[in-house]
Each structure stands twice: as C-alpha cells, then as structure tokens.
Amino acid sequence: MNRVFFTSDNHYFHENIIRYCHRPFDGYESMNNEMIRRWNSVVNQDDIGIFVGDISASLKGRTSELRDVIGSLNGRKILIRGNHDHQSDDWYVESGFLKVVEFAKFGEVALSHYPIPSLERRGVRGEDLFGDFSHIVHGHVHEPGPNFERHFNVAVDRNNFMPVPLDVAIPQSFQYRFVDDLLNFL
C-alpha cells in the first residue's frame, strides 16, 4: 500500500514568514531547500502527499520557480486550497498535483485548510460543509499550541518542517476507510 503524508503552510518563497513565525532560516532559498529536502527524505515517488493549503505565498512573479519546487517534491500530490493558493486549478495540475480541491472528506475525516473554529468565524459550520465527520486534518494555524478537539494541525511550523504520516494525523479507527476513499478519489 502507498503511504500517505500531510503538510500545510509551507509558504514557499515567502521571505516574511521566516520572521512572522520565527522559522530557523536565513532566507526563503534556504527555507525552500530545507523543506524540499525534509519532504523527499521521507516521501517516496509512489506515496501520496496531501498539501492542506498555502503551499506558497508572496510569489512576486516566481510562478515558474514554484512549478519547479512542486515538481521536485516526491509523491503523488493533492492540494486542498488555502488562502494563499492563488493559481488556477489547471496551473497546479500542470505543475504536478493530481487533484486540486477546496475541501475534501474521506471516510469520517475532513480535510480543510482551516480548522473548524476558523470556518465558524467565517459563518460556515463544519457539518454543513462536510456532513458527518469525526476528525479534521487542517493547517492555517502556525503558532504552537494544542490541537483543537477532533483536529490535527499539519502546518510545517508545528511539525519540524516535516511531512506528517497518516498514522500520526488520523486516529487508527478512521484510517482504513480514509485510505479506501482516498484511493477511489485518485
């Protein structure tokens, strides 16, 4: 079986995120290179990598460079859009993502860039968006702290800039149906 990994809020090319989030890099080039290295040290070409939003930010015309970054990342990739993912779906697919969606639900697990409290502040109830769900994998919140109840935050700032494996992000009781639905989605 293919392994599944999650990440979010990479913010490739975003120089200011280093200062905002106290990232241990001296510029976006070293940040980009280290996140690519860490991803590829764990994720193989046949694995599935789910980016739960904000793969980049502040591109300033560097779309071809972002395309190169996406192409250099191992795995069969899915993008759940975040608030900084501004390219078209076709652009992301041409750059190396198999699928691009706003939200997803596989089994009882919802995937959203935003945690439920952030969605609710935007006037969206999780149940209205996903129907019944028992767990949510998200990003968006960079700051350290506990996960919300029934949530797992895969933001790179909270996970040592490493991809998060399925068995860490999703409770075991939900994993089989999640993987089955995910493989059907692909």
Protein backbone atom coordinates (compact mmCIF):
# COMPACT_ATOMS: atom_id res chain seq x y z
CA MET A 1 0.00 0.00 0.00
CA ASN A 2 1.13 3.55 -0.68
CA ARG A 3 1.93 5.60 2.37
CA VAL A 4 0.07 8.87 2.96
CA PHE A 5 1.60 12.10 4.29
CA PHE A 6 0.21 15.54 5.08
CA THR A 7 1.64 19.02 5.27
CA SER A 8 0.47 22.62 5.07
CA ASP A 9 1.57 26.21 5.24
CA ASN A 10 4.91 25.68 3.55
CA HIS A 11 4.75 29.25 2.23
CA TYR A 12 7.49 28.60 -0.32
CA PHE A 13 9.10 31.90 -1.41
CA HIS A 14 7.57 33.89 1.47
CA GLU A 15 10.52 35.75 2.98
CA ASN A 16 8.45 37.42 5.73
CA ILE A 17 7.05 34.13 7.09
CA ILE A 18 10.54 33.45 8.44
CA ARG A 19 10.24 36.47 10.72
CA TYR A 20 6.50 36.16 11.43
CA CYS A 21 6.78 32.54 12.57
CA HIS A 22 10.37 32.58 13.84
CA ARG A 23 11.44 30.00 11.28
CA PRO A 24 15.10 28.98 11.64
CA PHE A 25 16.20 30.04 8.15
CA ASP A 26 18.24 32.94 6.83
CA GLY A 27 16.13 33.45 3.70
CA TYR A 28 13.48 31.86 1.55
CA GLU A 29 16.03 29.97 -0.56
CA SER A 30 17.41 28.08 2.44
CA MET A 31 13.86 27.56 3.76
CA ASN A 32 12.64 26.20 0.42
CA ASN A 33 15.64 23.90 0.03
CA GLU A 34 15.38 22.51 3.56
CA MET A 35 11.63 21.84 3.31
CA ILE A 36 12.14 20.08 -0.03
CA ARG A 37 14.99 18.03 1.46
CA ARG A 38 12.93 17.04 4.52
CA TRP A 39 9.89 16.12 2.40
CA ASN A 40 11.92 14.00 -0.03
CA SER A 41 13.81 12.30 2.82
CA VAL A 42 10.53 10.70 3.94
CA VAL A 43 8.13 10.66 0.97
CA ASN A 44 8.77 8.27 -1.93
CA GLN A 45 7.56 8.74 -5.51
CA ASP A 46 4.69 6.26 -5.05
CA ASP A 47 3.48 7.76 -1.75
CA ILE A 48 0.55 10.17 -1.56
CA GLY A 49 1.23 13.69 -0.30
CA ILE A 50 -1.68 15.88 0.70
CA PHE A 51 -0.92 19.60 0.97
CA VAL A 52 -3.64 21.14 3.13
CA GLY A 53 -3.19 24.66 1.82
CA ASP A 54 -0.74 27.51 1.45
CA ILE A 55 1.99 25.77 -0.50
CA SER A 56 3.33 29.24 -1.30
CA ALA A 57 2.84 32.93 -0.57
CA SER A 58 4.25 36.22 -1.84
CA LEU A 59 5.34 34.70 -5.14
CA LYS A 60 6.07 38.09 -6.73
CA GLY A 61 6.14 36.63 -10.24
CA ARG A 62 8.01 33.45 -9.32
CA THR A 63 5.38 31.03 -10.65
CA SER A 64 7.90 29.15 -12.77
CA GLU A 65 10.11 28.71 -9.70
CA LEU A 66 7.12 27.42 -7.72
CA ARG A 67 6.40 24.98 -10.55
CA ASP A 68 9.99 23.73 -10.19
CA VAL A 69 9.54 23.29 -6.43
CA ILE A 70 6.30 21.34 -6.87
CA GLY A 71 7.95 19.15 -9.49
CA SER A 72 10.88 18.44 -7.18
CA LEU A 73 8.66 17.12 -4.36
CA ASN A 74 8.28 13.34 -4.29
CA GLY A 75 4.91 11.64 -4.30
CA ARG A 76 1.53 11.76 -5.92
CA LYS A 77 0.29 15.14 -4.69
CA ILE A 78 -3.14 16.56 -3.85
CA LEU A 79 -3.76 20.21 -2.97
CA ILE A 80 -6.51 21.31 -0.63
CA ARG A 81 -6.56 25.05 -1.37
CA GLY A 82 -5.55 27.54 1.29
CA ASN A 83 -5.96 31.28 1.43
CA HIS A 84 -2.61 31.85 -0.36
CA ASP A 85 -3.08 29.32 -3.19
CA HIS A 86 -3.99 31.78 -5.97
CA GLN A 87 -3.07 29.93 -9.18
CA SER A 88 -5.73 28.20 -11.27
CA ASP A 89 -6.55 24.53 -10.75
CA ASP A 90 -5.12 23.82 -14.22
CA TRP A 91 -1.85 25.55 -13.29
CA TYR A 92 -1.45 23.40 -10.17
CA VAL A 93 -2.27 20.22 -12.10
CA GLU A 94 0.19 21.14 -14.87
CA SER A 95 2.78 21.75 -12.12
CA GLY A 96 2.44 18.29 -10.60
CA PHE A 97 -0.70 17.98 -8.46
CA LEU A 98 -3.09 15.17 -9.37
CA LYS A 99 -6.10 16.95 -7.88
CA VAL A 100 -6.92 20.41 -6.53
CA VAL A 101 -9.99 20.90 -4.33
CA GLU A 102 -11.29 23.41 -1.78
CA PHE A 103 -12.24 20.80 0.82
CA ALA A 104 -12.42 17.01 0.95
CA LYS A 105 -13.83 14.25 3.09
CA PHE A 106 -12.61 10.66 3.04
CA GLY A 107 -14.46 8.32 5.35
CA GLU A 108 -15.08 10.21 8.57
CA VAL A 109 -12.08 12.51 8.09
CA ALA A 110 -12.47 16.03 6.71
CA LEU A 111 -9.59 17.89 5.07
CA SER A 112 -9.65 21.68 5.15
CA HIS A 113 -7.03 24.39 5.23
CA TYR A 114 -8.99 25.95 8.09
CA PRO A 115 -9.82 24.37 11.45
CA ILE A 116 -13.50 24.34 12.41
CA PRO A 117 -13.24 27.42 14.71
CA SER A 118 -11.83 29.46 11.79
CA LEU A 119 -14.58 28.22 9.48
CA GLU A 120 -17.22 29.13 12.08
CA ARG A 121 -15.81 32.66 12.32
CA ARG A 122 -16.44 32.84 8.55
CA GLY A 123 -20.05 31.71 9.05
CA VAL A 124 -19.54 28.11 7.87
CA ARG A 125 -20.50 25.17 10.05
CA GLY A 126 -18.34 22.07 9.66
CA GLU A 127 -21.41 19.84 9.49
CA ASP A 128 -22.83 21.94 6.65
CA LEU A 129 -19.57 21.68 4.74
CA PHE A 130 -18.62 18.05 5.36
CA GLY A 131 -21.77 16.34 6.67
CA ASP A 132 -20.94 13.89 9.43
CA PHE A 133 -17.26 13.78 10.28
CA SER A 134 -15.30 12.61 13.29
CA HIS A 135 -11.89 14.14 12.67
CA ILE A 136 -10.37 17.02 10.68
CA VAL A 137 -6.86 17.45 9.30
CA HIS A 138 -6.04 21.10 8.70
CA GLY A 139 -3.38 23.79 8.70
CA HIS A 140 -3.65 27.60 8.77
CA VAL A 141 -2.66 27.95 12.44
CA HIS A 142 1.11 28.38 12.58
CA GLU A 143 1.54 29.13 16.27
CA PRO A 144 2.45 26.37 18.71
CA GLY A 145 -0.28 25.04 20.93
CA PRO A 146 -2.56 22.09 21.41
CA ASN A 147 -4.74 20.79 18.61
CA PHE A 148 -8.43 21.60 18.78
CA GLU A 149 -10.64 18.68 19.81
CA ARG A 150 -11.08 16.21 16.91
CA HIS A 151 -8.45 18.14 14.88
CA PHE A 152 -4.87 17.57 13.81
CA ASN A 153 -2.84 20.53 12.53
CA VAL A 154 -0.24 19.56 9.91
CA ALA A 155 1.30 23.05 9.50
CA VAL A 156 5.05 22.80 8.96
CA ASP A 157 5.70 25.23 11.83
CA ARG A 158 4.14 22.73 14.24
CA ASN A 159 5.81 19.65 12.81
CA ASN A 160 9.52 20.49 12.49
CA PHE A 161 9.03 21.25 8.76
CA MET A 162 8.44 17.52 8.17
CA PRO A 163 5.56 15.71 6.48
CA VAL A 164 3.13 14.14 8.93
CA PRO A 165 2.36 10.45 8.33
CA LEU A 166 -1.20 9.17 8.22
CA ASP A 167 -0.88 7.20 11.47
CA VAL A 168 0.08 10.39 13.35
CA ALA A 169 -2.54 12.71 11.83
CA ILE A 170 -5.55 10.38 11.85
CA PRO A 171 -6.78 8.06 14.62
CA GLN A 172 -6.36 4.40 13.73
CA SER A 173 -10.10 3.71 13.77
CA PHE A 174 -10.58 6.07 10.79
CA GLN A 175 -7.53 5.14 8.72
CA TYR A 176 -8.82 2.18 6.69
CA ARG A 177 -11.90 3.95 5.32
CA PHE A 178 -9.89 7.15 4.79
CA VAL A 179 -7.33 5.34 2.62
CA ASP A 180 -10.01 3.39 0.75
CA ASP A 181 -11.94 6.57 -0.12
CA LEU A 182 -8.72 8.44 -0.94
CA LEU A 183 -7.60 5.77 -3.41
CA ASN A 184 -11.04 5.85 -5.05
CA PHE A 185 -10.72 9.66 -5.32
CA LEU A 186 -7.43 9.36 -7.17
